[in-house]
Protein backbone atom coordinates (compact mmCIF):
# COMPACT_ATOMS: atom_id res chain seq x y z
CA MET A 1 107.78 141.11 86.17
CA LYS A 2 106.22 142.36 82.77
CA VAL A 3 109.26 142.67 79.89
CA PHE A 4 109.49 143.48 76.69
CA LEU A 5 112.68 142.89 74.92
CA PHE A 6 113.85 144.13 71.76
CA LEU A 7 116.39 142.59 70.08
CA TYR A 8 118.90 144.30 68.21
CA PRO A 9 117.90 148.43 67.89
CA PHE A 10 120.95 148.84 64.93
CA ARG A 11 120.68 151.62 62.61
CA GLU A 12 122.02 149.35 60.01
CA PHE A 13 119.21 146.28 60.57
CA PHE A 14 116.29 149.33 60.15
CA VAL A 15 118.15 150.39 56.91
CA HIS A 16 117.84 146.95 54.92
CA SER A 17 114.64 146.33 56.32
CA ASN A 18 113.00 149.98 55.86
CA GLY A 19 114.74 150.36 52.09
CA TYR A 20 116.76 153.19 52.32
CA PRO A 21 117.36 154.94 50.56
CA ASP A 22 113.83 154.78 48.28
CA ASP A 23 112.20 156.72 51.24
CA PRO A 24 114.54 158.31 53.53
CA GLU A 25 111.77 160.74 55.14
CA LEU A 26 109.42 157.75 56.00
CA ALA A 27 112.03 155.30 56.99
CA ASP A 28 112.86 157.32 59.28
CA LYS A 29 108.97 157.87 60.57
CA VAL A 30 108.68 154.42 60.17
CA VAL A 31 111.59 153.82 63.17
CA GLU A 32 110.11 156.46 65.57
CA TYR A 33 106.57 155.06 65.02
CA PHE A 34 108.10 151.67 66.42
CA GLY A 35 109.40 153.63 69.09
CA GLN A 36 105.87 155.43 70.06
CA ALA A 37 104.26 151.43 70.19
CA ILE A 38 106.85 150.08 72.19
CA ASP A 39 106.02 153.37 74.68
CA ALA A 40 102.39 153.05 74.14
CA ARG A 41 102.24 149.13 73.85
CA TYR A 42 104.62 148.56 76.77
CA ARG A 43 106.41 151.35 79.10
CA GLN A 44 103.04 153.10 79.69
CA ARG A 45 101.83 150.03 80.95
CA GLY A 46 104.26 148.63 83.52
CA TYR A 47 106.59 146.84 81.49
CA GLN A 48 110.23 146.79 81.68
CA VAL A 49 111.77 147.58 78.52
CA CYS A 50 114.97 146.02 77.73
CA TRP A 51 117.25 146.29 74.90
CA LEU A 52 119.60 143.41 73.49
CA LEU A 53 122.99 145.34 72.49
CA PHE A 54 125.88 143.52 70.62
CA ARG A 55 129.26 144.50 72.78
CA SER A 56 131.98 147.36 71.08
CA GLU A 57 134.66 146.26 69.39
CA GLY A 58 136.46 147.68 72.29
CA GLU A 59 135.33 147.49 75.51
CA GLY A 60 131.26 147.94 76.91
CA LEU A 61 128.21 147.81 75.06
CA ASP A 62 128.04 148.89 71.12
CA LEU A 63 126.25 152.62 71.83
CA VAL A 64 127.52 153.94 68.88
CA ASN A 65 125.57 152.52 66.80
CA LEU A 66 122.54 152.53 67.90
CA ASP A 67 119.45 154.15 65.58
CA ARG A 68 118.60 157.01 68.38
CA ARG A 69 115.57 157.54 66.96
CA VAL A 70 114.07 154.68 68.73
CA SER A 71 114.50 156.96 72.05
CA ILE A 72 115.71 154.64 74.50
CA GLN A 73 114.85 155.61 78.31
CA PRO A 74 116.81 156.04 81.18
CA SER A 75 114.41 153.53 83.04
CA ASP A 76 114.90 150.96 80.27
CA LEU A 77 117.30 148.04 80.81
CA LEU A 78 119.99 147.77 78.37
CA VAL A 79 120.85 143.68 78.01
CA ASP A 80 124.52 142.47 76.77
CA ALA A 81 124.33 140.06 74.15
CA GLY A 82 127.87 138.78 74.62
CA MET A 83 129.42 139.43 71.02
CA THR A 84 129.75 142.11 68.75
CA PHE A 85 127.69 142.67 65.77
CA SER A 86 131.11 141.77 63.51
CA GLU A 87 131.15 138.07 64.96
CA HIS A 88 127.58 137.92 64.83
CA CYS A 89 126.85 139.38 61.01
CA PRO A 90 130.57 138.15 59.77
CA CYS A 91 128.87 138.09 56.01
CA ARG A 92 129.83 141.68 55.94
CA LEU A 93 133.80 139.80 55.33
CA ARG A 94 132.22 138.95 51.55
CA GLY A 95 134.49 140.72 49.37
CA VAL A 96 137.12 140.56 52.17
CA LEU A 97 137.82 136.96 52.75
CA PRO A 98 138.23 134.35 49.97
CA GLU A 99 134.24 132.50 50.65
CA ASP A 100 135.72 129.24 52.62
CA GLN A 101 137.40 131.68 54.93
CA TRP A 102 134.51 132.92 56.38
CA PRO A 103 133.58 132.72 59.92
CA LYS A 104 130.84 131.33 61.17
CA PRO A 105 127.65 133.31 62.71
CA ILE A 106 127.69 133.70 66.69
CA TYR A 107 124.61 134.16 68.14
CA ALA A 108 123.51 135.29 71.77
CA ASP A 109 124.09 132.58 74.56
CA LEU A 110 120.85 132.94 75.77
CA PRO A 111 121.07 131.71 78.88
CA PHE A 112 123.29 134.46 79.83
CA VAL A 113 120.79 136.99 77.82
CA SER A 114 118.62 135.73 80.03
CA SER A 115 120.37 135.94 83.48
CA GLN A 116 120.19 139.66 82.91
CA LEU A 117 116.34 140.21 82.33
CA PRO A 118 114.67 141.08 85.42
CA GLY A 119 113.02 138.60 87.44
CA PRO A 120 111.09 136.72 88.18
CA ILE A 121 109.22 136.95 84.96
CA GLU A 122 105.54 135.90 84.27
CA GLU A 123 105.54 137.54 80.59
CA LEU A 124 107.79 138.23 78.13
CA TRP A 125 107.51 139.99 74.44
CA VAL A 126 109.64 140.04 72.06
CA GLY A 127 110.52 142.28 69.27
CA GLY A 128 113.48 142.92 66.72
CA PHE A 129 115.38 141.75 64.16
CA GLN A 130 114.98 138.83 62.71
CA ILE A 131 111.74 137.15 62.98
CA SER A 132 112.96 134.55 61.76
CA ASP A 133 116.26 134.08 63.09
CA CYS A 134 117.15 135.37 66.56
CA VAL A 135 113.47 136.83 67.13
CA GLU A 136 112.76 132.99 66.81
CA LYS A 137 115.79 131.45 69.42
CA LEU A 138 115.11 133.72 71.66
CA ALA A 139 110.89 132.96 72.41
CA ARG A 140 111.73 129.54 71.37
CA PHE A 141 114.66 129.39 74.12
CA ALA A 142 111.96 131.47 76.73
CA TYR A 143 108.64 129.37 76.23
CA PHE A 144 110.63 125.84 76.70
CA ARG A 145 113.84 126.52 78.88
CA LEU A 146 112.72 129.43 81.23
CA GLY A 147 109.31 127.86 81.82
CA LEU A 148 107.27 130.40 79.99
CA LYS A 149 104.67 128.12 77.82
CA GLY A 150 101.37 130.43 77.25
CA SER A 151 103.23 133.50 78.50
CA VAL A 152 105.98 134.11 75.90
CA HIS A 153 104.90 136.00 72.55
CA VAL A 154 106.50 137.80 69.60
CA ASP A 155 105.20 140.66 68.68
CA GLU A 156 105.05 140.78 65.12
CA ASP A 157 104.43 144.30 64.29
CA LEU A 158 107.51 145.14 66.25
CA THR A 159 109.94 142.85 63.99
CA GLY A 160 110.58 143.38 60.39
CA MET A 161 107.32 142.03 59.69
CA GLY A 162 105.98 145.16 60.94
CA VAL A 163 107.92 147.60 58.54
CA TRP A 164 105.29 147.82 55.65
CA PRO A 165 102.23 147.39 57.88
CA ALA A 166 104.02 150.45 59.45
CA LYS A 167 104.50 152.47 56.47
CA LEU A 168 100.72 151.86 55.49
CA HIS A 169 99.72 153.09 58.95
CA LEU A 170 101.67 156.14 58.29
CA CYS A 171 100.21 156.56 54.81
CA PRO A 172 96.42 156.55 55.28
CA ARG A 173 95.67 157.32 51.35
CA LEU A 174 97.27 153.94 50.30
CA ILE A 175 94.97 151.79 53.10
CA LYS A 176 92.45 153.61 51.60
CA ARG A 177 93.30 152.84 47.99
CA LEU A 178 94.19 149.30 48.65
CA LYS A 179 90.62 149.23 50.20
CA MET A 180 91.93 148.14 53.47
CA THR A 181 89.36 147.48 56.26
CA ARG A 182 91.40 148.15 59.43
CA ASP A 183 94.82 149.61 60.39
CA PRO A 184 97.60 147.61 59.28
CA PHE A 185 99.32 148.89 62.57
CA PRO A 186 97.65 150.78 65.43
CA LEU A 187 100.03 152.30 67.70
CA VAL A 188 98.29 149.73 70.69
CA ARG A 189 96.96 146.72 69.06
CA GLU A 190 93.87 144.74 71.55
CA SER A 191 93.44 141.77 69.89
CA TRP A 192 96.09 139.46 68.75
CA THR A 193 94.36 137.74 66.12
CA TYR A 194 95.03 136.59 62.05
CA GLU A 195 91.51 138.53 61.99
CA SER A 196 92.77 141.89 63.98
CA THR A 197 96.51 141.48 61.71
CA GLY A 198 94.21 141.00 58.37
CA TRP A 199 95.94 137.67 57.23
CA LYS A 200 92.77 135.72 57.27
CA ASP A 201 91.45 138.42 54.50
CA ASP A 202 93.45 136.45 52.49
CA PRO A 203 91.19 133.77 51.20
CA ARG A 204 94.68 131.65 49.98
CA TRP A 205 95.06 130.92 53.80
CA GLU A 206 92.58 128.67 53.76
CA THR A 207 93.05 127.27 49.80
CA ASP A 208 96.74 127.63 48.64
CA ARG A 209 98.45 124.84 49.41
CA LEU A 210 101.85 126.52 50.17
CA TYR A 211 99.91 129.30 52.68
CA VAL A 212 98.17 126.18 54.26
CA ARG A 213 101.54 124.55 54.69
CA LEU A 214 102.73 128.01 56.34
CA ARG A 215 99.81 127.93 58.92
CA ARG A 216 101.24 124.57 59.87
CA ILE A 217 104.29 126.12 60.58
CA ARG A 218 103.17 128.76 62.35
CA ASN A 219 101.00 126.22 64.23
CA LEU A 220 104.36 124.60 65.78
CA ARG A 221 104.78 127.90 66.80
CA PRO A 222 102.82 128.88 69.78
CA TRP A 223 104.39 132.02 70.25
CA LEU A 224 103.54 133.59 67.52
CA ILE A 225 99.39 135.21 66.55
CA HIS A 226 96.89 132.62 66.44
CA ASN A 227 93.17 132.60 65.72
């Protein structure tokens, strides 16, 4: 079974990543484009599309705060993260509770999450928020604990990192103005390399110490894009 899992299609995450209220019309288009890319890259190619959701403060999953523009289909699978949004993001309590009383964030129980995915999984692609936090944790768990070495990948377009490239894609005049040679976020990406995503176009990857170090760090994460 080929699976695509998107972590937390909640409006609040898209709001912060998209830069509301600077350009709400463009931000709406970006979220809609994420949904179109998920459909073209995964649903139409026979993947089971899954969505990891928070629980509501009452019972069941939190369906109220979903970002409806992503377009969840009846054939998709809703997966329980086993926690509420307020448990996962207690930083919302800043200004309400003194700092020494802030609770620690709770993360999804990954064995519980993986038990809800259809299996056996032969290939897993992960997107969502945030790439360096929840997405990283899940990809690492799938790689080492689920035995998916070489078969788990992060779709970096479909994370917070893809928001700016999506905006560029939706504004072709900016691509021209920036003299870019390729589409930063095609609807379907056939090649997953530094060159195809534009990373290697920046010479700093080869010369700047910080960028070289960042590239080495990426090399320790085989589920990310590599040459």
